């Protein structure tokens, strides 16, 4: 769910998985960064990383003890989106439910606006 204060949402299942990843690395101060980069089969692609530092233009979204960071440029493409974590027979992955995307690839990691 997104609001004016948090224009990019983070689901409970995504927050839980991020906490598990940070715990596996033994570093509780890690933050989950989502960014949008050029490339992918649809024009733009999502990039996910665990990082220590927050940049000056980052939006920080906190949920259930974890922090997700979105840089200012990526926020232009992600406003209204929610980051979720899904587990299916085909595998488990972070998924971005992005209302700004006009098309996406089959794997869901790239999109067009």
Protein backbone atom coordinates (compact mmCIF):
# COMPACT_ATOMS: atom_id res chain seq x y z
CA UNK A 1 0.00 0.00 0.00
CA UNK A 2 1.32 3.44 -0.89
CA UNK A 3 0.50 6.82 0.63
CA UNK A 4 1.66 10.40 0.15
CA UNK A 5 4.32 9.80 2.84
CA UNK A 6 5.41 6.47 1.35
CA UNK A 7 4.92 6.64 -2.42
CA UNK A 8 6.49 3.18 -2.80
CA UNK A 9 5.12 0.36 -0.68
CA UNK A 10 6.79 -2.68 0.85
CA UNK A 11 4.69 -5.76 1.57
CA UNK A 12 4.95 -7.74 4.79
CA UNK A 13 6.32 -10.76 2.91
CA UNK A 14 9.01 -8.61 1.25
CA UNK A 15 9.99 -7.09 4.60
CA UNK A 16 10.23 -10.57 6.12
CA UNK A 17 12.46 -11.83 3.30
CA UNK A 18 14.71 -8.76 3.49
CA UNK A 19 15.13 -9.36 7.23
CA UNK A 20 16.08 -12.98 6.52
CA UNK A 21 18.66 -11.91 3.91
CA UNK A 22 20.20 -9.36 6.27
CA UNK A 23 20.33 -11.91 9.10
CA UNK A 24 22.01 -14.45 6.79
CA UNK A 25 24.73 -11.88 6.06
CA UNK A 26 25.07 -11.18 9.79
CA UNK A 27 24.53 -7.44 9.32
CA UNK A 28 21.38 -5.93 10.77
CA UNK A 29 22.15 -2.42 9.50
CA UNK A 30 21.81 -3.39 5.83
CA UNK A 31 19.15 -1.69 3.75
CA UNK A 32 17.31 -2.99 0.69
CA UNK A 33 17.83 -0.76 -2.35
CA UNK A 34 15.55 -0.90 -5.38
CA UNK A 35 16.54 1.08 -8.44
CA UNK A 36 15.50 1.38 -12.06
CA UNK A 37 18.15 1.10 -14.76
CA UNK A 38 18.02 1.22 -18.54
CA UNK A 39 18.10 -2.18 -20.20
CA UNK A 40 16.23 -5.41 -20.04
CA UNK A 41 13.96 -6.74 -22.74
CA UNK A 42 11.30 -4.06 -22.17
CA UNK A 43 13.46 -0.93 -21.83
CA UNK A 44 13.96 -0.59 -18.07
CA UNK A 45 14.88 -3.13 -15.43
CA UNK A 46 14.62 -3.36 -11.66
CA UNK A 47 17.79 -3.78 -9.64
CA UNK A 48 17.79 -5.03 -6.03
CA UNK A 49 20.76 -4.77 -3.66
CA UNK A 50 21.58 -4.85 0.03
CA UNK A 51 23.58 -1.74 0.96
CA UNK A 52 24.91 -0.09 4.09
CA UNK A 53 24.69 3.58 3.17
CA UNK A 54 21.79 5.88 2.43
CA UNK A 55 22.30 8.62 -0.17
CA UNK A 56 21.06 12.20 0.26
CA UNK A 57 18.26 11.87 -2.33
CA UNK A 58 17.00 8.46 -1.15
CA UNK A 59 13.45 7.87 -0.06
CA UNK A 60 13.50 5.51 2.92
CA UNK A 61 10.51 3.23 3.49
CA UNK A 62 10.47 1.31 6.76
CA UNK A 63 8.38 -1.72 7.57
CA UNK A 64 8.70 -4.38 10.25
CA UNK A 65 12.24 -3.34 11.16
CA UNK A 66 13.71 -3.19 7.65
CA UNK A 67 14.44 -0.21 5.41
CA UNK A 68 13.95 -0.01 1.66
CA UNK A 69 15.75 2.77 -0.22
CA UNK A 70 14.70 4.34 -3.53
CA UNK A 71 16.86 6.96 -5.23
CA UNK A 72 15.26 10.13 -6.58
CA UNK A 73 15.50 9.19 -10.27
CA UNK A 74 14.10 5.68 -9.75
CA UNK A 75 11.25 7.15 -7.71
CA UNK A 76 9.95 8.80 -10.90
CA UNK A 77 9.28 5.31 -12.31
CA UNK A 78 8.25 3.63 -9.05
CA UNK A 79 5.74 6.04 -7.49
CA UNK A 80 2.58 4.09 -6.64
CA UNK A 81 4.38 0.73 -6.79
CA UNK A 82 4.63 -1.99 -4.18
CA UNK A 83 7.56 -4.35 -3.73
CA UNK A 84 6.40 -7.84 -2.81
CA UNK A 85 8.08 -11.21 -2.32
CA UNK A 86 6.37 -14.25 -3.81
CA UNK A 87 7.08 -17.96 -3.49
CA UNK A 88 5.77 -20.15 -6.28
CA UNK A 89 6.53 -23.56 -7.76
CA UNK A 90 8.76 -21.89 -10.35
CA UNK A 91 10.79 -20.16 -7.62
CA UNK A 92 10.79 -17.27 -5.23
CA UNK A 93 11.48 -13.66 -6.12
CA UNK A 94 10.90 -10.01 -5.40
CA UNK A 95 8.12 -8.63 -7.60
CA UNK A 96 7.30 -4.98 -8.28
CA UNK A 97 3.63 -4.22 -8.76
CA UNK A 98 4.10 -1.07 -10.82
CA UNK A 99 1.03 0.84 -12.07
CA UNK A 100 3.30 2.99 -14.27
CA UNK A 101 4.46 0.04 -16.39
CA UNK A 102 2.71 -0.21 -19.75
CA UNK A 103 4.41 -3.51 -20.61
CA UNK A 104 6.69 -6.00 -18.90
CA UNK A 105 8.66 -9.08 -19.82
CA UNK A 106 7.64 -12.58 -18.89
CA UNK A 107 10.03 -12.79 -15.93
CA UNK A 108 8.81 -9.46 -14.50
CA UNK A 109 12.28 -7.98 -14.07
CA UNK A 110 11.98 -5.43 -16.88
CA UNK A 111 9.25 -3.05 -17.95
CA UNK A 112 8.30 -0.19 -20.27
CA UNK A 113 6.58 3.10 -19.45
